[in-house]
Protein backbone atom coordinates (compact mmCIF):
# COMPACT_ATOMS: atom_id res chain seq x y z
CA MET A 1 98.19 50.13 107.86
CA SER A 2 95.53 50.45 105.24
CA ALA A 3 92.75 52.85 105.99
CA VAL A 4 90.50 52.02 103.10
CA HIS A 5 88.49 49.14 104.51
CA HIS A 6 85.62 50.52 106.47
CA SER A 7 81.95 50.71 105.60
CA HIS A 8 78.98 52.93 106.19
CA SER A 9 78.45 51.28 109.56
CA VAL A 10 80.90 53.97 110.77
CA VAL A 11 78.08 56.48 110.59
CA GLN A 12 75.80 54.44 112.88
CA LEU A 13 78.73 53.69 115.21
CA ALA A 14 79.63 57.38 115.35
CA ALA A 15 76.08 58.36 116.17
CA SER A 16 75.77 55.86 119.03
CA SER A 17 79.26 56.61 120.39
CA THR A 18 78.61 60.33 120.40
CA THR A 19 75.38 59.76 122.35
CA GLU A 20 77.15 57.47 124.82
CA HIS A 21 80.03 59.86 125.44
CA ARG A 22 78.00 63.06 125.29
CA PRO A 23 78.46 63.96 129.00
CA LEU A 24 82.25 63.71 128.55
CA ILE A 25 82.12 65.84 125.39
CA ILE A 26 79.95 68.51 127.01
CA SER A 27 82.11 68.69 130.14
CA LEU A 28 85.32 69.08 128.10
CA PHE A 29 83.59 71.83 126.13
CA ALA A 30 82.49 73.55 129.33
CA VAL A 31 86.07 73.48 130.67
CA PHE A 32 87.34 75.28 127.54
CA VAL A 33 84.64 77.93 127.67
CA ALA A 34 85.10 78.46 131.44
CA ALA A 35 88.88 78.82 131.03
CA THR A 36 88.55 81.45 128.29
CA LEU A 37 85.91 83.32 130.32
CA ALA A 38 88.25 83.32 133.34
CA ILE A 39 91.02 84.85 131.20
CA THR A 40 88.57 87.49 129.98
CA VAL A 41 87.44 88.44 133.48
CA TRP A 42 91.09 88.65 134.64
CA ALA A 43 91.97 90.90 131.68
CA GLY A 44 88.83 92.96 132.23
CA ARG A 45 90.13 93.95 135.66
CA GLN A 46 93.32 95.30 134.05
CA THR A 47 91.37 97.34 131.49
CA LYS A 48 91.25 100.88 132.84
CA SER A 49 91.67 103.30 129.92
CA ALA A 50 90.56 103.54 126.29
CA SER A 51 94.10 102.56 125.26
CA ASP A 52 93.68 99.34 127.30
CA PHE A 53 90.25 98.63 125.78
CA TYR A 54 91.20 99.34 122.15
CA ALA A 55 94.92 98.45 122.01
CA GLY A 56 95.64 96.34 125.10
CA GLY A 57 97.69 99.21 126.52
CA ARG A 58 100.24 98.62 123.69
CA GLN A 59 102.08 96.25 126.04
CA PHE A 60 102.28 93.03 124.00
CA THR A 61 105.61 91.75 122.69
CA ALA A 62 106.19 90.91 119.02
CA PHE A 63 105.95 87.17 119.69
CA GLN A 64 102.76 87.53 121.78
CA ASN A 65 101.16 89.70 119.12
CA GLY A 66 102.34 87.31 116.38
CA LEU A 67 100.60 84.47 118.22
CA ALA A 68 97.47 86.58 118.67
CA VAL A 69 97.49 87.68 115.00
CA SER A 70 97.74 84.06 113.89
CA GLY A 71 95.01 83.22 116.41
CA ASP A 72 92.87 85.94 114.88
CA TYR A 73 93.56 84.72 111.37
CA MET A 74 93.29 80.94 111.74
CA SER A 75 89.57 81.10 112.08
CA ALA A 76 86.81 78.51 111.75
CA ALA A 77 87.22 79.02 108.02
CA SER A 78 90.79 77.82 108.12
CA PHE A 79 90.23 74.87 110.37
CA LEU A 80 86.77 73.66 109.37
CA GLY A 81 86.18 75.25 105.98
CA ILE A 82 89.52 74.52 104.31
CA ALA A 83 89.73 70.96 105.66
CA GLY A 84 86.19 70.42 104.27
CA ALA A 85 86.97 72.09 100.93
CA ILE A 86 90.10 69.93 100.46
CA ALA A 87 88.21 66.77 101.47
CA LEU A 88 85.52 67.47 98.85
CA PHE A 89 87.46 69.20 96.04
CA GLY A 90 91.06 68.06 96.53
CA TYR A 91 93.58 70.39 94.88
CA ASP A 92 91.05 73.20 94.36
CA GLY A 93 90.17 73.22 98.07
CA PHE A 94 93.86 73.57 98.91
CA LEU A 95 93.99 76.82 96.91
CA TYR A 96 92.30 78.55 99.87
CA SER A 97 95.31 77.67 102.06
CA ILE A 98 97.73 79.15 99.53
CA GLY A 99 95.69 82.35 99.11
CA PHE A 100 95.29 82.92 102.85
CA LEU A 101 99.05 82.49 103.38
CA VAL A 102 100.40 84.56 100.46
CA ALA A 103 98.11 87.40 101.57
CA TRP A 104 100.38 88.01 104.55
CA LEU A 105 103.17 89.25 102.33
CA VAL A 106 100.98 92.15 101.18
CA ALA A 107 100.15 92.97 104.81
CA LEU A 108 103.82 92.77 105.82
CA LEU A 109 105.35 94.69 102.93
CA LEU A 110 102.77 97.44 102.44
CA VAL A 111 100.64 97.96 105.50
CA ALA A 112 101.90 96.73 108.91
CA GLU A 113 104.58 99.29 109.72
CA PRO A 114 103.19 102.52 108.19
CA LEU A 115 99.76 101.79 109.67
CA ARG A 116 101.20 101.18 113.15
CA ASN A 117 103.06 104.51 112.93
CA SER A 118 100.24 106.66 111.61
CA GLY A 119 97.16 105.64 113.61
CA ARG A 120 96.02 105.31 117.19
CA TYR A 121 93.26 102.70 117.40
CA THR A 122 91.43 102.30 114.07
CA MET A 123 91.77 102.52 110.31
CA GLY A 124 89.74 105.75 110.45
CA ASP A 125 92.62 107.44 112.35
CA VAL A 126 94.96 106.97 109.38
CA LEU A 127 92.45 108.25 106.82
CA ALA A 128 91.34 111.21 108.93
CA TYR A 129 94.93 112.42 109.35
CA ARG A 130 94.96 114.29 106.04
CA MET A 131 91.26 114.31 105.06
CA ARG A 132 88.11 115.99 106.36
CA GLN A 133 87.47 114.17 109.64
CA ARG A 134 83.75 113.55 109.79
CA PRO A 135 82.84 112.13 106.35
CA VAL A 136 85.97 109.95 106.22
CA ARG A 137 85.55 108.55 109.73
CA THR A 138 81.88 107.76 109.02
CA ALA A 139 82.88 105.89 105.85
CA ALA A 140 85.67 103.99 107.64
CA GLY A 141 83.30 103.04 110.46
CA VAL A 142 80.57 101.82 108.09
CA SER A 143 83.06 99.81 106.05
CA THR A 144 84.64 98.20 109.14
CA ILE A 145 81.25 97.14 110.48
CA VAL A 146 80.09 95.66 107.13
CA VAL A 147 83.32 93.66 106.61
CA SER A 148 83.23 92.42 110.21
CA ILE A 149 79.62 91.27 109.90
CA PHE A 150 80.43 89.29 106.71
CA TYR A 151 83.31 87.63 108.53
CA LEU A 152 81.17 87.04 111.63
CA LEU A 153 78.62 85.24 109.46
CA ALA A 154 81.21 82.61 108.60
CA GLN A 155 82.25 82.08 112.21
CA MET A 156 78.65 81.78 113.39
CA ALA A 157 77.86 79.25 110.65
CA GLY A 158 80.90 77.23 111.71
CA ALA A 159 79.90 77.30 115.37
CA GLY A 160 76.38 76.14 114.57
CA VAL A 161 77.66 73.13 112.59
CA LEU A 162 80.23 72.19 115.20
CA VAL A 163 78.08 72.25 118.30
CA ALA A 164 75.15 70.63 116.47
CA LEU A 165 77.47 67.78 115.46
CA LEU A 166 78.63 67.31 119.05
CA LEU A 167 75.27 67.50 120.74
CA GLY A 168 73.50 65.52 118.02
CA ILE A 169 71.15 68.41 117.26
CA THR A 170 69.50 68.06 113.86
CA SER A 171 66.59 70.49 114.14
CA ASP A 172 66.92 73.94 112.61
CA ALA A 173 65.64 75.58 115.79
CA GLY A 174 68.42 73.90 117.77
CA LYS A 175 71.06 75.16 115.35
CA VAL A 176 69.69 78.70 115.53
CA LEU A 177 69.84 78.49 119.33
CA ILE A 178 73.54 77.50 119.16
CA VAL A 179 74.33 80.47 116.91
CA ALA A 180 72.58 82.70 119.47
CA LEU A 181 74.62 81.19 122.30
CA VAL A 182 77.91 81.93 120.50
CA GLY A 183 76.72 85.48 119.94
CA VAL A 184 75.97 85.98 123.62
CA LEU A 185 79.37 84.57 124.65
CA MET A 186 81.19 86.86 122.23
CA ILE A 187 79.33 89.91 123.55
CA VAL A 188 80.43 88.95 127.09
CA TYR A 189 84.08 88.52 125.99
CA VAL A 190 84.36 91.91 124.35
CA THR A 191 82.36 94.00 126.81
CA ILE A 192 84.29 92.62 129.79
CA GLY A 193 87.79 91.95 128.44
CA GLY A 194 88.33 94.51 125.67
CA MET A 195 91.51 94.11 123.61
CA LYS A 196 93.52 92.65 126.51
CA GLY A 197 91.07 89.82 127.12
CA THR A 198 90.64 89.16 123.42
CA THR A 199 94.40 89.02 122.82
CA TRP A 200 95.06 86.57 125.66
CA VAL A 201 92.21 84.32 124.49
CA GLN A 202 93.67 84.41 120.98
CA MET A 203 97.14 83.47 122.15
CA VAL A 204 95.86 80.50 124.15
CA LYS A 205 93.68 79.39 121.26
CA ALA A 206 96.50 79.66 118.68
CA VAL A 207 98.66 77.32 120.79
CA LEU A 208 95.76 74.88 121.21
CA LEU A 209 94.88 74.94 117.51
CA ILE A 210 98.46 74.30 116.37
CA ALA A 211 98.79 71.49 118.95
CA GLY A 212 95.49 69.90 117.84
CA ALA A 213 96.36 70.15 114.14
CA LEU A 214 99.86 68.72 114.80
CA LEU A 215 98.44 65.76 116.68
CA MET A 216 95.90 64.99 113.94
CA THR A 217 98.50 65.43 111.17
CA PHE A 218 100.81 62.99 112.96
CA MET A 219 98.00 60.46 113.40
CA VAL A 220 96.90 60.71 109.75
CA LEU A 221 100.45 60.23 108.49
CA TRP A 222 100.96 57.35 110.93
CA LYS A 223 97.92 55.59 109.44
CA PHE A 224 99.73 55.66 106.09
CA ASP A 225 103.20 54.80 107.49
CA PHE A 226 104.27 58.43 106.83
CA ASN A 227 103.93 57.83 103.09
CA VAL A 228 102.37 61.01 101.70
CA SER A 229 101.92 59.61 98.22
CA ASP A 230 99.98 56.67 99.70
CA LEU A 231 97.74 59.16 101.56
CA LEU A 232 97.08 61.20 98.39
CA GLY A 233 96.51 58.07 96.29
CA THR A 234 93.94 56.69 98.75
CA ALA A 235 92.23 60.09 98.96
CA ALA A 236 91.96 60.26 95.15
CA GLU A 237 90.61 56.70 95.00
CA LYS A 238 88.01 57.28 97.74
CA SER A 239 86.94 60.66 96.36
CA GLY A 240 85.24 59.08 93.35
CA HIS A 241 87.13 61.47 91.04
CA GLY A 242 90.31 59.43 90.61
CA ALA A 243 93.49 61.25 89.61
CA SER A 244 91.63 64.48 88.80
CA PHE A 245 91.09 64.91 92.57
CA LEU A 246 94.80 65.81 92.83
CA GLU A 247 94.77 68.13 89.83
CA PRO A 248 93.42 71.65 89.35
CA GLY A 249 89.94 72.08 87.95
CA LEU A 250 87.54 70.05 90.07
CA LYS A 251 85.76 73.09 91.51
CA TYR A 252 87.31 75.88 89.44
CA GLY A 253 88.06 75.26 85.80
CA VAL A 254 85.06 73.19 84.72
CA THR A 255 83.65 76.16 82.81
CA ASP A 256 84.91 79.59 81.78
CA VAL A 257 82.83 81.16 84.53
CA SER A 258 84.45 79.00 87.22
CA LYS A 259 87.92 79.89 85.87
CA LEU A 260 87.05 83.57 86.26
CA ASP A 261 85.62 82.77 89.70
CA PHE A 262 88.96 81.30 90.69
CA ILE A 263 90.87 84.42 89.59
CA SER A 264 88.34 86.50 91.49
CA LEU A 265 88.79 84.38 94.62
CA GLY A 266 92.59 84.52 94.35
CA ILE A 267 92.65 88.33 94.08
CA ALA A 268 90.25 88.66 97.03
CA LEU A 269 92.26 86.31 99.26
CA VAL A 270 95.63 87.87 98.48
CA LEU A 271 94.55 91.51 98.79
CA GLY A 272 91.87 91.12 101.46
CA THR A 273 94.06 90.46 104.50
CA ALA A 274 95.68 93.89 104.36
CA GLY A 275 92.21 95.46 104.56
CA LEU A 276 90.66 93.30 107.30
CA PRO A 277 89.75 95.54 110.26
CA HIS A 278 90.38 92.95 112.98
CA ILE A 279 93.87 92.26 111.59
CA LEU A 280 94.67 95.98 111.13
CA ILE A 281 93.87 96.89 114.74
CA ARG A 282 96.27 94.15 115.92
CA PHE A 283 99.20 96.31 114.77
CA TYR A 284 98.29 98.89 117.42
CA THR A 285 98.75 96.51 120.37
CA VAL A 286 102.57 96.52 120.18
CA PRO A 287 104.83 99.31 121.47
CA THR A 288 106.74 100.07 118.24
CA ALA A 289 106.57 99.67 114.46
CA LYS A 290 109.55 97.33 114.60
CA ALA A 291 107.54 95.06 116.92
CA ALA A 292 104.60 95.27 114.48
CA ARG A 293 106.86 94.07 111.65
CA LYS A 294 108.35 91.30 113.81
CA SER A 295 104.92 90.14 114.91
CA VAL A 296 103.89 89.72 111.27
CA ASN A 297 107.02 87.58 110.72
CA TRP A 298 106.04 85.39 113.66
CA ALA A 299 102.47 85.18 112.34
CA ILE A 300 103.65 84.12 108.86
CA GLY A 301 105.72 81.30 110.38
CA ILE A 302 102.92 80.03 112.61
CA ILE A 303 100.20 80.37 109.95
CA GLY A 304 102.42 78.77 107.27
CA ALA A 305 102.98 75.70 109.46
CA PHE A 306 99.26 75.47 110.15
CA TYR A 307 98.21 75.70 106.49
CA LEU A 308 100.68 72.97 105.56
CA MET A 309 98.90 70.77 108.08
CA THR A 310 95.50 71.46 106.49
CA ILE A 311 96.74 69.31 103.57
CA ALA A 312 97.01 66.28 105.87
CA LEU A 313 93.66 67.10 107.51
CA GLY A 314 91.75 67.59 104.25
CA PHE A 315 93.22 64.71 102.24
CA GLY A 316 93.18 62.58 105.41
CA ALA A 317 89.43 63.15 105.76
CA ALA A 318 88.92 62.29 102.07
CA ALA A 319 90.99 59.09 102.39
CA LEU A 320 89.69 57.83 105.74
CA ILE A 321 86.05 58.97 105.77
CA GLY A 322 85.08 59.61 102.15
CA PRO A 323 83.04 62.44 100.64
CA ASP A 324 79.60 60.82 101.08
CA GLU A 325 79.87 60.58 104.86
CA ILE A 326 81.37 64.06 105.10
CA LYS A 327 78.45 65.51 103.12
CA ALA A 328 75.95 63.49 105.19
CA LYS A 329 76.97 65.44 108.30
CA ASN A 330 77.22 68.83 106.57
CA PRO A 331 76.72 69.41 102.83
CA ALA A 332 79.46 72.08 102.69
CA GLY A 333 82.03 69.82 104.39
CA ASN A 334 82.43 72.00 107.51
CA ALA A 335 82.38 68.95 109.81
CA ALA A 336 85.23 67.07 108.08
CA ALA A 337 87.91 67.94 110.68
CA PRO A 338 85.86 66.84 113.75
CA GLN A 339 84.75 63.66 111.89
CA LEU A 340 88.39 62.91 111.14
CA ALA A 341 89.30 63.43 114.82
CA GLU A 342 86.68 60.91 115.90
CA TYR A 343 87.85 58.40 113.30
CA LEU A 344 91.51 58.76 114.33
CA GLY A 345 90.69 58.30 118.01
CA GLY A 346 88.59 55.24 117.22
CA VAL A 347 84.90 55.48 116.31
CA GLY A 348 82.75 54.17 119.15
CA THR A 349 85.59 54.30 121.71
CA THR A 350 86.31 56.67 124.57
CA GLY A 351 89.50 57.71 122.73
CA GLY A 352 87.44 58.75 119.71
CA ALA A 353 85.00 60.70 121.87
CA VAL A 354 87.82 62.46 123.74
CA LEU A 355 89.68 63.43 120.53
CA LEU A 356 86.43 64.59 118.91
CA ALA A 357 85.61 66.67 122.00
CA VAL A 358 89.08 68.19 122.27
CA ILE A 359 89.35 69.07 118.57
CA SER A 360 85.80 70.46 118.54
CA ALA A 361 86.43 72.45 121.71
CA VAL A 362 89.59 73.88 120.14
CA ALA A 363 87.60 74.78 117.01
CA PHE A 364 84.95 76.35 119.22
CA ALA A 365 87.60 78.34 121.14
CA THR A 366 88.91 79.39 117.71
CA ILE A 367 85.51 80.65 116.69
CA LEU A 368 84.96 82.52 119.97
CA ALA A 369 88.38 84.20 119.81
CA VAL A 370 87.98 85.31 116.19
CA VAL A 371 84.44 86.46 116.78
CA ALA A 372 85.60 88.50 119.78
CA GLY A 373 88.36 90.10 117.69
CA LEU A 374 85.93 91.00 114.91
CA THR A 375 83.35 92.41 117.27
CA LEU A 376 86.02 94.46 119.01
CA ALA A 377 87.22 95.87 115.67
CA SER A 378 83.75 96.95 114.63
CA SER A 379 82.60 98.25 118.02
CA SER A 380 85.81 100.27 118.52
CA SER A 381 85.45 101.70 115.04
CA PHE A 382 81.88 102.72 115.85
CA ALA A 383 82.79 104.22 119.24
CA HIS A 384 86.06 105.89 118.24
CA ASP A 385 85.27 106.98 114.68
CA ILE A 386 81.52 107.47 114.49
CA TYR A 387 80.45 108.22 118.08
CA ALA A 388 83.42 110.18 119.47
CA ASN A 389 84.52 112.06 116.36
CA VAL A 390 81.38 112.41 114.25
CA ILE A 391 78.40 112.44 116.63
CA ARG A 392 80.16 114.11 119.59
CA LYS A 393 82.67 116.04 117.39
CA GLY A 394 85.65 115.01 119.49
CA LYS A 395 84.10 116.12 122.80
CA ALA A 396 83.37 112.63 124.21
CA THR A 397 85.27 111.52 127.31
CA GLU A 398 87.15 108.18 127.35
CA LYS A 399 84.45 106.77 129.63
CA GLU A 400 81.64 107.73 127.23
CA GLU A 401 83.61 106.31 124.31
CA MET A 402 84.09 102.95 126.03
CA ARG A 403 80.40 102.84 127.00
CA ALA A 404 79.47 103.45 123.35
CA ALA A 405 81.82 100.62 122.32
CA ARG A 406 80.10 98.22 124.72
CA TRP A 407 76.62 99.12 123.44
CA ALA A 408 77.85 98.77 119.84
CA THR A 409 79.14 95.29 120.73
CA VAL A 410 75.64 94.26 121.81
CA ALA A 411 74.04 95.65 118.62
CA ILE A 412 76.60 94.01 116.30
CA GLY A 413 76.19 90.74 118.22
CA VAL A 414 72.42 90.77 117.65
CA VAL A 415 72.77 91.48 113.90
CA SER A 416 75.36 88.72 113.40
CA ILE A 417 73.22 86.21 115.32
CA ALA A 418 70.30 86.91 112.97
CA LEU A 419 72.40 86.64 109.79
CA GLY A 420 74.47 83.68 111.07
CA ALA A 421 71.28 81.69 111.64
CA MET A 422 70.41 82.18 107.93
CA ALA A 423 73.88 81.23 106.63
CA ARG A 424 74.31 78.07 108.68
CA ASP A 425 74.50 75.67 105.70
CA LEU A 426 77.07 77.52 103.55
CA ASN A 427 80.78 76.58 103.44
CA VAL A 428 82.57 78.81 105.95
CA ALA A 429 85.72 79.18 103.81
CA GLY A 430 83.56 80.54 100.98
CA LEU A 431 81.84 83.00 103.32
CA VAL A 432 85.16 84.28 104.62
CA ALA A 433 86.38 84.76 101.04
CA LEU A 434 83.42 87.16 100.60
CA ALA A 435 84.56 89.17 103.64
CA PHE A 436 88.03 89.33 102.08
CA ALA A 437 86.56 90.60 98.80
CA VAL A 438 84.64 93.37 100.59
CA ALA A 439 87.74 94.34 102.63
CA ALA A 440 89.95 94.43 99.53
CA SER A 441 87.38 96.50 97.59
CA ALA A 442 86.52 99.10 100.23
CA ASN A 443 89.43 99.33 102.70
CA LEU A 444 92.64 98.46 100.90
CA PRO A 445 92.54 101.08 98.09
CA THR A 446 91.85 103.86 100.60
CA ILE A 447 94.61 102.75 102.99
CA LEU A 448 97.22 102.47 100.23
CA TYR A 449 96.24 105.77 98.56
CA SER A 450 96.25 107.52 101.95
CA LEU A 451 99.72 106.29 102.83
CA PHE A 452 101.40 106.53 99.42
CA TRP A 453 99.64 109.03 97.11
CA LYS A 454 99.86 112.71 97.88
CA ARG A 455 97.05 113.81 95.50
CA PHE A 456 94.49 111.66 97.32
CA THR A 457 91.51 113.71 98.57
CA THR A 458 88.50 113.30 100.84
CA GLN A 459 86.23 112.81 97.83
CA GLY A 460 88.54 110.07 96.52
CA ALA A 461 88.43 108.32 99.91
CA LEU A 462 84.62 108.45 100.07
CA TRP A 463 84.14 107.25 96.49
CA SER A 464 86.61 104.44 97.04
CA ILE A 465 85.12 103.19 100.33
CA TYR A 466 81.44 103.53 99.46
CA GLY A 467 81.94 102.45 95.83
CA GLY A 468 83.99 99.39 96.73
CA LEU A 469 81.61 98.51 99.54
CA ALA A 470 78.40 98.96 97.56
CA SER A 471 79.65 97.16 94.45
CA SER A 472 81.00 94.14 96.36
CA VAL A 473 77.92 93.76 98.57
CA LEU A 474 75.50 94.22 95.65
CA LEU A 475 77.35 91.69 93.48
CA VAL A 476 77.27 89.16 96.34
CA LEU A 477 73.50 89.72 96.79
CA PHE A 478 72.89 88.96 93.12
CA SER A 479 75.36 86.07 92.93
CA PRO A 480 74.81 82.29 93.21
CA VAL A 481 75.90 82.52 96.88
CA VAL A 482 72.52 84.01 97.80
CA SER A 483 70.12 82.47 95.27
CA GLY A 484 69.68 80.23 92.25
CA LYS A 485 71.61 77.10 93.27
CA ALA A 486 70.91 74.14 95.56
CA SER A 487 73.82 75.27 97.76
CA SER A 488 72.69 78.95 97.94
CA MET A 489 71.40 80.75 101.01
CA PHE A 490 67.92 80.88 99.41
CA PRO A 491 67.86 77.87 97.03
CA ASP A 492 64.16 78.22 96.09
CA VAL A 493 64.41 81.62 94.40
CA ASP A 494 66.65 82.81 91.60
CA PHE A 495 67.72 86.42 91.19
CA ALA A 496 71.41 85.66 90.50
CA TRP A 497 72.24 87.71 87.41
CA PHE A 498 75.93 88.00 88.41
CA PRO A 499 77.53 84.63 87.54
CA LEU A 500 80.63 84.71 89.82
CA GLU A 501 80.49 83.57 93.45
CA ASN A 502 83.22 86.02 94.44
CA PRO A 503 82.88 89.70 93.42
CA GLY A 504 86.61 90.57 93.79
CA LEU A 505 87.41 90.55 90.07
CA ILE A 506 85.02 93.46 89.47
CA SER A 507 84.77 95.27 92.80
CA ILE A 508 88.48 95.47 93.76
CA PRO A 509 89.67 97.26 90.57
CA LEU A 510 86.53 99.41 90.86
CA GLY A 511 87.51 100.47 94.41
CA PHE A 512 90.97 101.55 93.19
CA LEU A 513 89.54 103.26 90.10
CA LEU A 514 86.93 105.23 92.08
CA GLY A 515 89.59 106.37 94.58
CA TRP A 516 91.68 107.73 91.72
CA LEU A 517 88.72 109.22 89.83
CA GLY A 518 87.23 110.88 92.93
CA SER A 519 90.59 112.51 93.71
CA VAL A 520 91.26 113.69 90.15
CA LEU A 521 87.76 115.19 89.79
CA SER A 522 87.80 116.74 93.25
CA LYS A 523 87.86 120.55 93.57
CA GLU A 524 89.60 120.24 96.92
CA GLU A 525 93.35 120.91 96.94
CA PRO A 526 95.25 118.09 98.71
CA ASP A 527 97.14 119.30 101.80
CA ALA A 528 100.79 118.78 100.79
CA ALA A 529 102.15 119.69 104.23
CA LYS A 530 99.86 117.18 105.95
CA TYR A 531 100.92 114.47 103.49
CA ALA A 532 104.63 115.21 104.09
CA GLU A 533 103.96 114.98 107.84
CA LEU A 534 102.11 111.63 107.43
CA GLU A 535 104.89 110.30 105.18
CA VAL A 536 107.60 111.06 107.74
CA LYS A 537 105.46 109.67 110.56
CA SER A 538 104.48 106.48 108.73
CA LEU A 539 107.99 105.67 107.50
CA THR A 540 110.05 106.68 110.53
CA GLY A 541 107.64 106.37 113.46
CA THR A 542 108.38 109.93 114.65
CA GLY A 543 105.47 111.09 116.79
CA ALA A 544 103.70 107.72 116.67
CA HIS A 545 101.56 106.67 119.64
């Protein structure tokens, strides 16, 4: 079956069919949201203690946590952003999939087990074990919140695009309203359900996402009689770039700057995962370190299968829809996967409307689950690290701590709504890559030094976190992501003196260097006994929570 012959009338057809089937689409959407809310309320009733709120009572099995980790990780960026990036840039878009997947090996080999053994609820617990409590916990809390807000930006932008596409909203005010609605829902999820609710929503959503991607992959391959080379050939032909669509260099490699940008992106993707707060706190929801390791193995399997399917989704969208129509709906390509779903189901038919609604609802559930996980990571870091241990100096009760976490959730929700409304036209995969760069610059050096270097001091930790954080955020502010290009957040002004779109190449080595320099220049003598204690605990699990 050839999929090449269709004209621009598809766009008109799609518009009219979406209008006609809008009640069906909205009701399917409502069912998904209601189901996830029901799970949250049920889990909220089981959440009694701080351990329940922060770590789900440490009752999840390795497989359940592996599903939830993959649910946390396969975000709107993976589903919408990567499919869009592949559809527009071919091979270079697929590099995101590779980077996101390889990153898990760093998390598995270096971080999962020792972190599970040495902390209780947050990254700050691990750092504070052998450092001065208050400054280190403040730094860890600030860093967690900044990384989470960057990541939240991407999810909010994805949600705005998705719901606007479904409801036919074209006005900016309407899109801002959608971003606000997602923010409100996420606040409800976290304040009611805590970690238990969030984990169950993530497990359900991971199953739905894999099922949706499998169905679409099967349908795309069926269109091309399961001939992958036919699919790739048609995609290259329709892309307008010919054979170069299937070769490296369409997005990265045109100039020396874009080659450096690619290296920067690669480093950020591979090292960022092991520093992402919402992934790190997942290791605390299982009973033992062995289960933490096993859950990462499960996650790698599930995520690997999913990223293989993004090839079919991205190249399928390029072959069946074409870049012009993808860009017409959203310049960054974020709507490619839902557009493909509608095409596969039959544009203008009930089947097309149902598939579009189901895939979009799954993507929306994906966004809500990831957003809830991120908000939980940052609000628990605020409540546990900053409020309980810095402001109240360890004298806060569990009840007060959980109340602080709920208020922090509301505040973080409001900030991410405001920023998400501004970033609604940027590619979500690119935005997530920025969060990875910030996590790899500020969090990863400190975690690795803390676990594996006995001369590491409080000053080293502070220099590393604040230095990595400040350099990565500043470089992003003065990069083409924010200004100076048609695709920037503020296209009409130009203060982009830093040429790379991803700061990782500069800020990640800087984070490691500052951690080393701060420790070497520090007058404080590292506590050898404390380090020996942490080493035994992190490697053997003796005395772990």
